[in-house]
C-alpha atoms as a PDB file:
ATOM      1  CA  MET A   1      -0.063   0.526   0.134  1.00  0.00           C
ATOM      2  CA  ASN A   2       0.944   3.669  -0.809  1.00  0.00           C
ATOM      3  CA  LEU A   3       2.211   5.699   2.222  1.00  0.00           C
ATOM      4  CA  ILE A   4       0.671   9.318   2.899  1.00  0.00           C
ATOM      5  CA  ARG A   5       3.942  10.927   1.652  1.00  0.00           C
ATOM      6  CA  GLU A   6       3.955   8.973  -1.858  1.00  0.00           C
ATOM      7  CA  ILE A   7       0.115  10.029  -2.303  1.00  0.00           C
ATOM      8  CA  ALA A   8       1.013  13.433  -1.393  1.00  0.00           C
ATOM      9  CA  GLN A   9       3.993  13.682  -3.031  1.00  0.00           C
ATOM     10  CA  GLN A  10       2.418  12.960  -6.788  1.00  0.00           C
ATOM     11  CA  ALA A  11      -0.745  15.595  -5.855  1.00  0.00           C
ATOM     12  CA  LEU A  12       2.547  18.074  -5.303  1.00  0.00           C
ATOM     13  CA  THR A  13       4.054  17.339  -8.480  1.00  0.00           C
ATOM     14  CA  THR A  14       1.090  16.566 -10.696  1.00  0.00           C
ATOM     15  CA  GLY A  15      -1.085  20.123  -9.071  1.00  0.00           C
ATOM     16  CA  TYR A  16      -3.875  16.875  -9.069  1.00  0.00           C
ATOM     17  CA  LEU A  17      -5.220  15.077  -6.291  1.00  0.00           C
ATOM     18  CA  THR A  18      -7.658  12.775  -7.267  1.00  0.00           C
ATOM     19  CA  VAL A  19     -10.747  10.787  -5.578  1.00  0.00           C
ATOM     20  CA  GLU A  20      -9.214   7.630  -5.872  1.00  0.00           C
ATOM     21  CA  ALA A  21      -5.860   8.956  -4.208  1.00  0.00           C
ATOM     22  CA  GLU A  22      -8.337  11.271  -1.670  1.00  0.00           C
ATOM     23  CA  ASN A  23      -9.980   8.038  -0.642  1.00  0.00           C
ATOM     24  CA  GLN A  24      -6.039   6.338  -0.294  1.00  0.00           C
ATOM     25  CA  LEU A  25      -5.631   9.229   1.867  1.00  0.00           C
ATOM     26  CA  ARG A  26      -8.636   8.562   4.056  1.00  0.00           C
ATOM     27  CA  GLN A  27      -7.874   5.193   4.878  1.00  0.00           C
ATOM     28  CA  LEU A  28      -3.971   5.715   5.254  1.00  0.00           C
ATOM     29  CA  LEU A  29      -5.022   8.876   8.511  1.00  0.00           C
ATOM     30  CA  SER A  30      -7.444   6.796   9.736  1.00  0.00           C
ATOM     31  CA  LYS A  31      -4.417   3.825  11.110  1.00  0.00           C
ATOM     32  CA  LYS A  32      -0.917   5.047  12.521  1.00  0.00           C
ATOM     33  CA  TYR A  33       1.397   6.722   9.995  1.00  0.00           C
ATOM     34  CA  ASP A  34       4.956   8.637  10.685  1.00  0.00           C
ATOM     35  CA  TRP A  35       5.963  12.405  11.426  1.00  0.00           C
ATOM     36  CA  GLU A  36       7.208  12.485   7.623  1.00  0.00           C
ATOM     37  CA  ASP A  37       3.799  11.015   6.378  1.00  0.00           C
ATOM     38  CA  PHE A  38       1.859  13.624   8.883  1.00  0.00           C
ATOM     39  CA  LYS A  39       4.227  16.596   7.844  1.00  0.00           C
ATOM     40  CA  ALA A  40       3.291  15.530   4.148  1.00  0.00           C
ATOM     41  CA  PHE A  41      -0.162  15.625   4.457  1.00  0.00           C
ATOM     42  CA  ILE A  42      -0.198  19.267   6.020  1.00  0.00           C
ATOM     43  CA  ARG A  43       1.841  20.577   2.969  1.00  0.00           C
ATOM     44  CA  LEU A  44      -0.288  19.275   0.669  1.00  0.00           C
ATOM     45  CA  GLN A  45      -3.945  20.548   2.743  1.00  0.00           C
ATOM     46  CA  GLN A  46      -1.722  24.013   2.432  1.00  0.00           C
ATOM     47  CA  GLU A  47      -1.196  23.587  -1.470  1.00  0.00           C
ATOM     48  CA  ALA A  48      -4.773  22.593  -1.470  1.00  0.00           C
ATOM     49  CA  MET A  49      -5.758  25.429   0.458  1.00  0.00           C
ATOM     50  CA  GLU A  50      -3.662  28.032  -1.577  1.00  0.00           C
ATOM     51  CA  GLY A  51      -4.818  26.223  -4.934  1.00  0.00           C
ATOM     52  CA  ARG A  52      -2.211  24.957  -5.719  1.00  0.00           C
ATOM     53  CA  VAL A  53      -3.174  21.594  -5.865  1.00  0.00           C
ATOM     54  CA  LYS A  54      -6.853  20.691  -7.193  1.00  0.00           C
ATOM     55  CA  GLN A  55      -9.134  18.641  -6.050  1.00  0.00           C
ATOM     56  CA  GLU A  56     -10.942  16.243  -8.784  1.00  0.00           C
ATOM     57  CA  SER A  57     -13.814  15.899  -6.208  1.00  0.00           C
ATOM     58  CA  ARG A  58     -13.949  19.834  -5.781  1.00  0.00           C
ATOM     59  CA  GLU A  59     -14.279  20.473  -9.514  1.00  0.00           C
ATOM     60  CA  LEU A  60     -17.078  17.534  -9.920  1.00  0.00           C
ATOM     61  CA  LEU A  61     -18.565  18.875  -6.754  1.00  0.00           C
ATOM     62  CA  TYR A  62     -19.050  22.031  -8.538  1.00  0.00           C
ATOM     63  CA  SER A  63     -19.538  21.060 -12.432  1.00  0.00           C
ATOM     64  CA  ARG A  64     -23.171  19.329 -10.755  1.00  0.00           C
ATOM     65  CA  SER A  65     -24.080  22.547  -8.532  1.00  0.00           C
ATOM     66  CA  LEU A  66     -23.786  24.054 -12.166  1.00  0.00           C
ATOM     67  CA  SER A  67     -25.343  22.023 -14.175  1.00  0.00           C
ATOM     68  CA  GLY A  68     -28.183  21.859 -11.640  1.00  0.00           C
ATOM     69  CA  SER A  69     -28.489  25.153 -11.405  1.00  0.00           C
ATOM     70  CA  SER A  70     -28.222  25.688 -15.143  1.00  0.00           C
ATOM     71  CA  SER A  71     -31.042  23.419 -15.641  1.00  0.00           C
ATOM     72  CA  ASN A  72     -32.634  24.995 -12.650  1.00  0.00           C
ATOM     73  CA  GLN A  73     -32.875  28.583 -14.653  1.00  0.00           C
ATOM     74  CA  GLU A  74     -33.836  27.174 -17.806  1.00  0.00           C
ATOM     75  CA  VAL A  75     -37.415  26.092 -15.891  1.00  0.00           C
ATOM     76  CA  ALA A  76     -37.800  29.283 -14.881  1.00  0.00           C
ATOM     77  CA  ILE A  77     -37.189  30.560 -17.821  1.00  0.00           C
ATOM     78  CA  ALA A  78     -39.619  28.233 -19.692  1.00  0.00           C
ATOM     79  CA  SER A  79     -42.411  28.958 -16.784  1.00  0.00           C
END
């Protein structure tokens, strides 16, 4: 299984955190991990908050909310 620091490094390198990687992080964070993994996770969080790492899950939520709101607008305009 991957270490937290490996997943974090991949996301930092690519600038993108996939849903699959997020799920792996959740699993790994629910178990014991070492100081290096903790530091890597904190750095990943900081980079994501500052916009240097994009999260696929957030993009999916955003696109779903946009598609949902646009269909509501179309219904309102049509009626």
